[in-house]
Amino acid sequence: MMDKERLRDLAVVLDKEMRGAAEKSHEVAKLAEYQPLVKAIGRAKRMEIDTPEELPGISWWLSETDIRSFKNLELAISNFRWFLEGLDQIFPDAQG
């Protein structure tokens, strides 16, 4: 079962980290406009996500941009993605 409250909390943290880093990086500013991510964050905040889903294209953002230089943002993306994709259910002991 999807932990909607945890996913909401992670979406709030991700949104905050992304907005802060967007002021320092053009690439993060573009990520903050990336619609699959924007929509997933919005739906998670409204607790509308019932089943795991993928976040298409996020691997490219992490590997091909300067986003990894913002460690808190990178962690926030990873944590949000982990729960969004339901990996917390598949590997319950792997994430703290």
Protein backbone atom coordinates (compact mmCIF):
# COMPACT_ATOMS: atom_id res chain seq x y z
CA MET A 1 0.00 0.00 0.00
CA MET A 2 1.26 3.47 -0.92
CA ASP A 3 2.32 5.54 2.08
CA LYS A 4 0.63 8.75 0.92
CA GLU A 5 1.63 10.79 3.95
CA ARG A 6 5.30 9.90 3.63
CA LEU A 7 5.20 10.59 -0.11
CA ARG A 8 3.55 13.96 0.57
CA ASP A 9 6.23 14.86 3.09
CA LEU A 10 8.96 13.90 0.63
CA ALA A 11 7.28 15.97 -2.09
CA VAL A 12 7.28 19.02 0.20
CA VAL A 13 10.97 18.57 0.96
CA LEU A 14 11.81 18.05 -2.72
CA ASP A 15 9.86 21.14 -3.74
CA LYS A 16 11.64 23.25 -1.12
CA GLU A 17 15.11 21.98 -2.08
CA MET A 18 14.42 22.42 -5.77
CA ARG A 19 13.20 26.00 -5.36
CA GLY A 20 16.25 26.93 -3.30
CA ALA A 21 18.71 25.38 -5.74
CA ALA A 22 16.89 26.83 -8.76
CA GLU A 23 18.11 30.26 -7.73
CA LYS A 24 21.70 29.03 -8.08
CA SER A 25 21.48 26.85 -11.19
CA HIS A 26 19.87 27.30 -14.58
CA GLU A 27 19.62 23.50 -14.93
CA VAL A 28 17.80 23.13 -11.62
CA ALA A 29 15.47 25.97 -12.68
CA LYS A 30 14.67 23.94 -15.80
CA LEU A 31 14.12 20.81 -13.68
CA ALA A 32 11.65 22.79 -11.56
CA GLU A 33 9.61 23.24 -14.76
CA TYR A 34 9.90 19.60 -15.89
CA GLN A 35 6.25 18.64 -16.13
CA PRO A 36 6.41 14.93 -15.16
CA LEU A 37 8.16 15.96 -11.93
CA VAL A 38 5.97 19.03 -11.31
CA LYS A 39 2.81 16.96 -11.76
CA ALA A 40 4.06 14.12 -9.54
CA ILE A 41 5.01 16.56 -6.77
CA GLY A 42 1.62 18.26 -6.99
CA ARG A 43 -0.30 15.00 -6.93
CA ALA A 44 1.82 13.72 -4.04
CA LYS A 45 1.17 16.90 -2.04
CA ARG A 46 -2.57 16.46 -2.62
CA MET A 47 -2.19 12.78 -1.66
CA GLU A 48 -3.69 11.65 -4.98
CA ILE A 49 -1.18 8.91 -5.78
CA ASP A 50 -2.59 5.48 -4.94
CA THR A 51 -0.25 3.15 -6.76
CA PRO A 52 3.46 3.23 -7.60
CA GLU A 53 4.45 4.98 -10.79
CA GLU A 54 7.65 5.80 -12.62
CA LEU A 55 9.14 9.23 -12.97
CA PRO A 56 10.23 9.26 -16.62
CA GLY A 57 13.43 11.02 -17.55
CA ILE A 58 14.67 11.73 -14.03
CA SER A 59 17.76 9.57 -14.50
CA TRP A 60 18.85 11.84 -17.33
CA TRP A 61 18.49 14.91 -15.12
CA LEU A 62 20.62 13.29 -12.43
CA SER A 63 23.35 12.09 -14.75
CA GLU A 64 23.58 14.82 -17.39
CA THR A 65 23.18 18.04 -15.40
CA ASP A 66 24.75 19.78 -12.41
CA ILE A 67 21.94 18.66 -10.10
CA ARG A 68 24.23 16.18 -8.36
CA SER A 69 26.32 19.09 -7.10
CA PHE A 70 23.35 19.99 -4.87
CA LYS A 71 23.55 17.09 -2.45
CA ASN A 72 20.34 17.90 -0.52
CA LEU A 73 18.42 18.17 -3.78
CA GLU A 74 19.90 14.94 -5.10
CA LEU A 75 18.89 13.17 -1.88
CA ALA A 76 15.40 14.69 -1.97
CA ILE A 77 14.92 13.50 -5.57
CA SER A 78 16.17 10.01 -4.73
CA ASN A 79 13.95 9.69 -1.67
CA PHE A 80 10.86 10.97 -3.49
CA ARG A 81 11.50 8.67 -6.42
CA TRP A 82 12.09 5.69 -4.11
CA PHE A 83 8.63 6.05 -2.57
CA LEU A 84 6.88 7.15 -5.78
CA GLU A 85 8.06 4.02 -7.57
CA GLY A 86 7.02 1.81 -4.65
CA LEU A 87 10.54 0.61 -3.95
CA ASP A 88 9.94 1.10 -0.23
CA GLN A 89 7.50 -1.84 -0.51
CA ILE A 90 9.83 -4.03 -2.56
CA PHE A 91 12.91 -3.32 -0.43
CA PRO A 92 11.52 -2.24 2.96
CA ASP A 93 14.84 -2.52 4.80
CA ALA A 94 16.93 -0.67 2.22
CA GLN A 95 15.78 2.88 2.98
CA GLY A 96 15.99 4.49 6.43
